[in-house]
């Protein structure tokens, strides 16, 4: 409950893309986390699987990014 996601909800695609682009361009001096909150069933409700897939393509395949589950990223 205390953890604040980067994007409050995945249906905020314009903000998610803007922040994702900034995340990819960043040159961090300490570890960074990009966290998107939402539920997969909502992609069907809002009919926006294509937008989420485009975001995932943009973020995918980066050698300097660790892709993990909530457990892998948030639990020590």
C-alpha atoms as a PDB file:
ATOM      1  CA  UNK A   1       0.000   0.000   0.000  1.00  0.00           C
ATOM      2  CA  UNK A   2       2.921   2.357   0.600  1.00  0.00           C
ATOM      3  CA  UNK A   3       4.511   1.712  -2.776  1.00  0.00           C
ATOM      4  CA  UNK A   4       3.699   4.415  -5.319  1.00  0.00           C
ATOM      5  CA  UNK A   5       3.553   3.227  -8.950  1.00  0.00           C
ATOM      6  CA  UNK A   6       5.117   5.292 -11.732  1.00  0.00           C
ATOM      7  CA  UNK A   7       1.803   5.192 -13.575  1.00  0.00           C
ATOM      8  CA  UNK A   8      -1.247   4.933 -11.339  1.00  0.00           C
ATOM      9  CA  UNK A   9      -3.228   2.973 -13.867  1.00  0.00           C
ATOM     10  CA  UNK A  10      -2.292   1.474 -17.210  1.00  0.00           C
ATOM     11  CA  UNK A  11      -5.195   3.159 -19.007  1.00  0.00           C
ATOM     12  CA  UNK A  12      -3.303   6.469 -18.669  1.00  0.00           C
ATOM     13  CA  UNK A  13      -1.407   5.578 -21.863  1.00  0.00           C
ATOM     14  CA  UNK A  14      -0.245   9.056 -22.881  1.00  0.00           C
ATOM     15  CA  UNK A  15       1.397   9.562 -19.497  1.00  0.00           C
ATOM     16  CA  UNK A  16       2.748   6.006 -19.486  1.00  0.00           C
ATOM     17  CA  UNK A  17       4.410   6.493 -22.889  1.00  0.00           C
ATOM     18  CA  UNK A  18       5.863   9.877 -21.893  1.00  0.00           C
ATOM     19  CA  UNK A  19       7.293   8.519 -18.632  1.00  0.00           C
ATOM     20  CA  UNK A  20       8.486   5.335 -20.358  1.00  0.00           C
ATOM     21  CA  UNK A  21      10.432   7.354 -22.910  1.00  0.00           C
ATOM     22  CA  UNK A  22      12.015   9.422 -20.120  1.00  0.00           C
ATOM     23  CA  UNK A  23      12.866   6.217 -18.230  1.00  0.00           C
ATOM     24  CA  UNK A  24      14.617   4.761 -21.284  1.00  0.00           C
ATOM     25  CA  UNK A  25      16.634   7.963 -21.806  1.00  0.00           C
ATOM     26  CA  UNK A  26      17.623   8.345 -18.145  1.00  0.00           C
ATOM     27  CA  UNK A  27      21.199   7.918 -17.033  1.00  0.00           C
ATOM     28  CA  UNK A  28      20.604   6.975 -13.395  1.00  0.00           C
ATOM     29  CA  UNK A  29      23.141   7.210 -10.611  1.00  0.00           C
ATOM     30  CA  UNK A  30      21.102   4.751  -8.535  1.00  0.00           C
ATOM     31  CA  UNK A  31      18.616   1.958  -9.378  1.00  0.00           C
ATOM     32  CA  UNK A  32      15.313   3.096 -10.874  1.00  0.00           C
ATOM     33  CA  UNK A  33      11.955   1.318 -10.991  1.00  0.00           C
ATOM     34  CA  UNK A  34       9.190   1.813 -13.562  1.00  0.00           C
ATOM     35  CA  UNK A  35       5.994   0.321 -12.145  1.00  0.00           C
ATOM     36  CA  UNK A  36       2.623   0.210 -13.902  1.00  0.00           C
ATOM     37  CA  UNK A  37      -0.457  -0.582 -11.853  1.00  0.00           C
ATOM     38  CA  UNK A  38      -3.568  -2.161 -13.316  1.00  0.00           C
ATOM     39  CA  UNK A  39      -5.512  -5.337 -14.026  1.00  0.00           C
ATOM     40  CA  UNK A  40      -5.216  -7.406 -17.199  1.00  0.00           C
ATOM     41  CA  UNK A  41      -8.986  -7.909 -17.484  1.00  0.00           C
ATOM     42  CA  UNK A  42      -9.327  -4.146 -18.003  1.00  0.00           C
ATOM     43  CA  UNK A  43      -7.613  -4.418 -21.395  1.00  0.00           C
ATOM     44  CA  UNK A  44     -10.712  -6.269 -22.585  1.00  0.00           C
ATOM     45  CA  UNK A  45     -13.085  -3.751 -20.981  1.00  0.00           C
ATOM     46  CA  UNK A  46     -11.325  -0.743 -22.522  1.00  0.00           C
ATOM     47  CA  UNK A  47     -10.307  -2.604 -25.710  1.00  0.00           C
ATOM     48  CA  UNK A  48      -6.744  -1.333 -25.477  1.00  0.00           C
ATOM     49  CA  UNK A  49      -4.538  -4.398 -25.729  1.00  0.00           C
ATOM     50  CA  UNK A  50      -2.904  -2.790 -28.774  1.00  0.00           C
ATOM     51  CA  UNK A  51      -1.790   0.227 -26.730  1.00  0.00           C
ATOM     52  CA  UNK A  52      -0.317  -1.934 -23.978  1.00  0.00           C
ATOM     53  CA  UNK A  53       1.451  -4.116 -26.538  1.00  0.00           C
ATOM     54  CA  UNK A  54       2.960  -0.993 -28.129  1.00  0.00           C
ATOM     55  CA  UNK A  55       4.210   0.153 -24.714  1.00  0.00           C
ATOM     56  CA  UNK A  56       5.696  -3.288 -24.022  1.00  0.00           C
ATOM     57  CA  UNK A  57       7.460  -3.288 -27.408  1.00  0.00           C
ATOM     58  CA  UNK A  58       8.956   0.105 -26.561  1.00  0.00           C
ATOM     59  CA  UNK A  59      10.251  -1.113 -23.187  1.00  0.00           C
ATOM     60  CA  UNK A  60      11.311  -4.628 -24.273  1.00  0.00           C
ATOM     61  CA  UNK A  61      14.784  -5.870 -25.073  1.00  0.00           C
ATOM     62  CA  UNK A  62      16.770  -3.315 -23.106  1.00  0.00           C
ATOM     63  CA  UNK A  63      20.010  -4.859 -21.834  1.00  0.00           C
ATOM     64  CA  UNK A  64      20.158  -2.560 -18.825  1.00  0.00           C
ATOM     65  CA  UNK A  65      16.614  -3.248 -17.567  1.00  0.00           C
ATOM     66  CA  UNK A  66      15.625  -6.067 -15.229  1.00  0.00           C
ATOM     67  CA  UNK A  67      12.091  -7.233 -16.008  1.00  0.00           C
ATOM     68  CA  UNK A  68      10.455  -8.830 -12.996  1.00  0.00           C
ATOM     69  CA  UNK A  69       7.287  -9.664 -11.164  1.00  0.00           C
ATOM     70  CA  UNK A  70       6.121  -7.705  -8.118  1.00  0.00           C
ATOM     71  CA  UNK A  71       7.729 -10.313  -5.912  1.00  0.00           C
ATOM     72  CA  UNK A  72      11.047 -10.207  -7.763  1.00  0.00           C
ATOM     73  CA  UNK A  73      11.235  -6.410  -7.712  1.00  0.00           C
ATOM     74  CA  UNK A  74       9.745  -5.471  -4.374  1.00  0.00           C
ATOM     75  CA  UNK A  75      10.565  -8.211  -1.892  1.00  0.00           C
ATOM     76  CA  UNK A  76      14.105  -8.499  -0.536  1.00  0.00           C
END
